[in-house]
Amino acid sequence: MATMVSPSLLAADFLHLDSELEMINRSEADWLHLDVMDGVFVPNISFGFPVLEAVARKCTKPLDVHYMIVHPEQYIERTRKLGAMMMNVHVEACRHLHRTVQEIHQAGMKAGVTLNPASPVSLLEDIIGDVDMVLLMSVNPGFGGQKFIENTIQKVLRLRKMIDDSGSNALIEIDGGVQNETAPRLVKAGADVLVAGSYVFGSKNPEETIHELRSL
């Protein structure tokens, strides 16, 4: 199976969002990754529903919505109305994670859960069979362009074993510091989906960069 690529809109040129989305639509990108930040759960604010709704109207790729916010469960219905394929919530932000995952599924979306760099994969043991994807943050959430955290490789290996041992079908997605040096190692360790922001949007030829990531 080809490696899946989910370019992160956070690194796009927001003055030319129309043409950036046209590029994504033309490209081999599998999904479009949307980082929603609230300035509370993470130390930054990104964009909210006016931008999400505009992107949903233009983008032909499935939307991979990653909530870096407190109380993400309050936005399940609005996310469903966007037509999002995946709603991804942080383990650290959900007091009742199993209930939130159930509600995301009941809304007709795939459910993803995210772990911050310091959160161990063992936190997922009792829910791994219920989720469609696990996103491992390979940088501290809140800002793009950070240096890759090396421990992520070992974390992917541990998570891959947990998924295989449990019989779960969950995909492993990686977000942060994905580029030509880290991407092959992540795929070798067992990652299925690569989120790439500045590496794609800052590239001289973003479509070719996406193609190269998918070829790993």
Protein backbone atom coordinates (compact mmCIF):
# COMPACT_ATOMS: atom_id res chain seq x y z
CA MET A 1 0.00 0.00 0.00
CA ALA A 2 1.29 3.44 -0.91
CA THR A 3 2.04 5.76 1.98
CA MET A 4 -0.86 8.16 2.44
CA VAL A 5 -0.16 11.90 2.51
CA SER A 6 -2.26 14.54 4.25
CA PRO A 7 -0.77 18.01 3.59
CA SER A 8 -1.37 20.44 6.45
CA LEU A 9 -3.23 23.58 5.43
CA LEU A 10 -1.61 25.46 8.32
CA ALA A 11 1.50 25.92 6.16
CA ALA A 12 -0.40 27.20 3.10
CA ASP A 13 -0.37 30.79 1.85
CA PHE A 14 -3.63 32.12 3.28
CA LEU A 15 -3.58 35.11 0.92
CA HIS A 16 -3.84 32.63 -1.96
CA LEU A 17 -5.89 29.85 -0.40
CA ASP A 18 -7.89 29.36 -3.59
CA SER A 19 -4.83 28.45 -5.66
CA GLU A 20 -3.32 26.40 -2.81
CA LEU A 21 -6.51 24.29 -2.69
CA GLU A 22 -6.49 23.92 -6.48
CA MET A 23 -2.95 22.53 -6.17
CA ILE A 24 -4.11 20.06 -3.48
CA ASN A 25 -7.04 18.98 -5.66
CA ARG A 26 -4.72 18.34 -8.63
CA SER A 27 -2.10 16.55 -6.53
CA GLU A 28 -1.90 12.94 -5.38
CA ALA A 29 -2.62 14.00 -1.77
CA ASP A 30 -4.94 11.49 -0.10
CA TRP A 31 -6.47 13.89 2.42
CA LEU A 32 -6.21 17.53 3.53
CA HIS A 33 -5.13 17.97 7.17
CA LEU A 34 -6.80 20.85 9.03
CA ASP A 35 -5.26 21.92 12.35
CA VAL A 36 -7.79 23.75 14.52
CA MET A 37 -6.11 25.46 17.51
CA ASP A 38 -7.83 27.44 20.27
CA GLY A 39 -4.99 29.17 22.13
CA VAL A 40 -6.01 27.25 25.28
CA PHE A 41 -5.09 23.61 24.66
CA VAL A 42 -2.11 24.76 22.58
CA PRO A 43 -0.28 28.12 22.66
CA ASN A 44 -1.54 29.30 19.28
CA ILE A 45 -4.77 30.10 17.42
CA SER A 46 -5.16 28.89 13.84
CA PHE A 47 -8.56 29.09 12.13
CA GLY A 48 -12.17 28.24 12.85
CA PHE A 49 -15.38 27.32 11.07
CA PRO A 50 -15.56 30.20 8.55
CA VAL A 51 -12.27 28.98 7.06
CA LEU A 52 -13.20 25.28 7.45
CA GLU A 53 -16.50 25.85 5.63
CA ALA A 54 -14.81 27.74 2.78
CA VAL A 55 -12.18 25.00 2.43
CA ALA A 56 -14.86 22.28 2.45
CA ARG A 57 -16.63 23.96 -0.47
CA LYS A 58 -13.46 24.07 -2.57
CA CYS A 59 -11.46 20.97 -1.60
CA THR A 60 -12.20 17.70 -3.38
CA LYS A 61 -10.00 15.62 -1.03
CA PRO A 62 -11.35 14.04 2.18
CA LEU A 63 -10.97 16.39 5.15
CA ASP A 64 -8.77 15.19 8.03
CA VAL A 65 -9.79 17.58 10.85
CA HIS A 66 -7.41 17.68 13.84
CA TYR A 67 -8.78 19.51 16.88
CA MET A 68 -6.07 20.87 19.20
CA ILE A 69 -8.72 22.37 21.45
CA VAL A 70 -10.45 21.90 24.78
CA HIS A 71 -13.94 20.30 24.64
CA PRO A 72 -13.73 19.05 21.03
CA GLU A 73 -16.88 16.99 21.65
CA GLN A 74 -18.89 20.23 21.42
CA TYR A 75 -18.07 20.48 17.70
CA ILE A 76 -18.98 16.99 16.46
CA GLU A 77 -22.19 18.10 14.76
CA ARG A 78 -20.59 21.14 13.07
CA THR A 79 -17.73 18.96 11.88
CA ARG A 80 -20.21 16.48 10.44
CA LYS A 81 -21.94 19.32 8.57
CA LEU A 82 -18.60 20.20 6.93
CA GLY A 83 -18.61 16.74 5.38
CA ALA A 84 -15.37 15.86 7.21
CA MET A 85 -14.10 12.31 6.72
CA MET A 86 -12.03 12.16 9.95
CA MET A 87 -12.50 13.97 13.25
CA ASN A 88 -9.40 13.72 15.37
CA VAL A 89 -9.35 14.62 19.08
CA HIS A 90 -6.54 14.69 21.64
CA VAL A 91 -6.50 12.06 24.37
CA GLU A 92 -5.30 14.81 26.72
CA ALA A 93 -8.33 17.02 25.92
CA CYS A 94 -11.10 14.43 26.34
CA ARG A 95 -12.32 13.50 29.80
CA HIS A 96 -14.63 10.83 28.36
CA LEU A 97 -12.69 9.65 25.33
CA HIS A 98 -14.70 6.50 24.62
CA ARG A 99 -17.96 8.47 24.60
CA THR A 100 -16.48 11.08 22.26
CA VAL A 101 -15.24 8.38 19.86
CA GLN A 102 -18.72 6.79 19.91
CA GLU A 103 -20.38 10.12 19.15
CA ILE A 104 -18.00 10.80 16.24
CA HIS A 105 -18.91 7.40 14.77
CA GLN A 106 -22.63 8.02 15.35
CA ALA A 107 -22.23 11.25 13.34
CA GLY A 108 -20.96 9.18 10.42
CA MET A 109 -17.29 10.16 10.57
CA LYS A 110 -14.13 8.19 11.19
CA ALA A 111 -12.68 8.76 14.68
CA GLY A 112 -9.04 9.59 15.24
CA VAL A 113 -7.24 10.13 18.54
CA THR A 114 -4.03 12.09 19.00
CA LEU A 115 -1.19 11.71 21.50
CA ASN A 116 1.15 14.54 22.45
CA PRO A 117 4.90 13.74 22.46
CA ALA A 118 4.99 13.00 26.22
CA SER A 119 1.84 10.82 26.25
CA PRO A 120 2.61 7.07 26.07
CA VAL A 121 0.86 4.79 23.58
CA SER A 122 -0.22 2.61 26.54
CA LEU A 123 -2.98 5.19 27.16
CA LEU A 124 -4.74 3.69 24.13
CA GLU A 125 -4.78 0.04 25.21
CA ASP A 126 -8.47 0.05 26.14
CA ILE A 127 -9.67 1.98 23.10
CA ILE A 128 -7.40 0.90 20.24
CA GLY A 129 -10.08 -1.41 18.84
CA ASP A 130 -12.60 1.45 18.65
CA VAL A 131 -10.59 4.07 16.75
CA ASP A 132 -9.92 4.37 13.03
CA MET A 133 -6.63 6.20 13.39
CA VAL A 134 -4.02 7.25 15.94
CA LEU A 135 -2.11 10.46 15.29
CA LEU A 136 1.28 10.71 16.99
CA MET A 137 2.54 14.27 17.39
CA SER A 138 6.23 14.24 16.49
CA VAL A 139 6.60 17.87 17.61
CA ASN A 140 4.91 19.73 20.45
CA PRO A 141 1.54 20.89 19.11
CA GLY A 142 0.87 24.55 18.42
CA PHE A 143 3.35 25.67 15.79
CA GLY A 144 4.53 24.50 12.38
CA GLY A 145 8.14 24.11 11.28
CA GLN A 146 9.47 22.52 14.50
CA LYS A 147 12.29 19.99 14.78
CA PHE A 148 11.27 16.32 14.71
CA ILE A 149 11.31 14.52 18.10
CA GLU A 150 13.45 11.40 17.63
CA ASN A 151 11.60 9.27 20.20
CA THR A 152 8.67 9.22 17.76
CA ILE A 153 10.29 6.36 15.81
CA GLN A 154 10.25 4.09 18.88
CA LYS A 155 6.71 5.23 19.63
CA VAL A 156 5.55 4.22 16.15
CA LEU A 157 7.10 0.77 16.65
CA ARG A 158 5.30 0.35 20.00
CA LEU A 159 1.99 1.52 18.56
CA ARG A 160 2.36 -0.72 15.49
CA LYS A 161 2.82 -3.73 17.82
CA MET A 162 -0.20 -2.73 19.92
CA ILE A 163 -2.39 -2.41 16.81
CA ASP A 164 -1.20 -5.71 15.34
CA ASP A 165 -1.53 -7.59 18.66
CA SER A 166 -5.05 -6.28 19.28
CA GLY A 167 -6.36 -6.94 15.78
CA SER A 168 -7.30 -3.25 15.42
CA ASN A 169 -7.49 -1.74 11.93
CA ALA A 170 -6.35 1.69 13.13
CA LEU A 171 -4.06 3.66 10.85
CA ILE A 172 -0.98 5.43 12.26
CA GLU A 173 -0.62 9.08 11.27
CA ILE A 174 2.39 11.28 12.07
CA ASP A 175 2.30 15.07 12.36
CA GLY A 176 5.37 17.27 12.76
CA GLY A 177 8.81 17.52 11.22
CA VAL A 178 7.97 15.19 8.32
CA GLN A 179 10.51 15.69 5.53
CA ASN A 180 12.85 13.74 3.23
CA GLU A 181 15.05 12.45 6.10
CA THR A 182 12.36 11.51 8.65
CA ALA A 183 9.59 10.27 6.32
CA PRO A 184 11.30 7.04 5.14
CA ARG A 185 12.17 6.08 8.73
CA LEU A 186 8.61 6.69 9.89
CA VAL A 187 7.18 4.53 7.09
CA LYS A 188 9.70 1.78 7.84
CA ALA A 189 8.64 1.85 11.52
CA GLY A 190 5.00 1.37 10.56
CA ALA A 191 3.41 4.77 9.84
CA ASP A 192 0.53 4.74 7.32
CA VAL A 193 -0.24 8.45 6.90
CA LEU A 194 2.19 11.39 6.83
CA VAL A 195 1.08 14.93 7.62
CA ALA A 196 3.40 17.44 5.96
CA GLY A 197 3.03 21.19 6.20
CA SER A 198 5.99 23.41 5.40
CA TYR A 199 7.75 20.51 3.61
CA VAL A 200 4.93 20.45 1.03
CA PHE A 201 3.75 24.05 0.87
CA GLY A 202 7.28 25.47 1.10
CA SER A 203 8.52 23.21 -1.68
CA LYS A 204 9.43 24.53 -5.16
CA ASN A 205 7.14 21.84 -6.57
CA PRO A 206 4.54 20.83 -3.96
CA GLU A 207 2.83 18.29 -6.23
CA GLU A 208 6.12 16.50 -6.86
CA THR A 209 6.92 16.55 -3.13
CA ILE A 210 3.55 14.91 -2.39
CA HIS A 211 4.25 12.31 -5.10
CA GLU A 212 7.65 11.53 -3.55
CA LEU A 213 6.15 11.06 -0.07
CA ARG A 214 3.48 8.73 -1.46
CA SER A 215 6.17 6.66 -3.16
CA LEU A 216 7.91 5.74 0.10
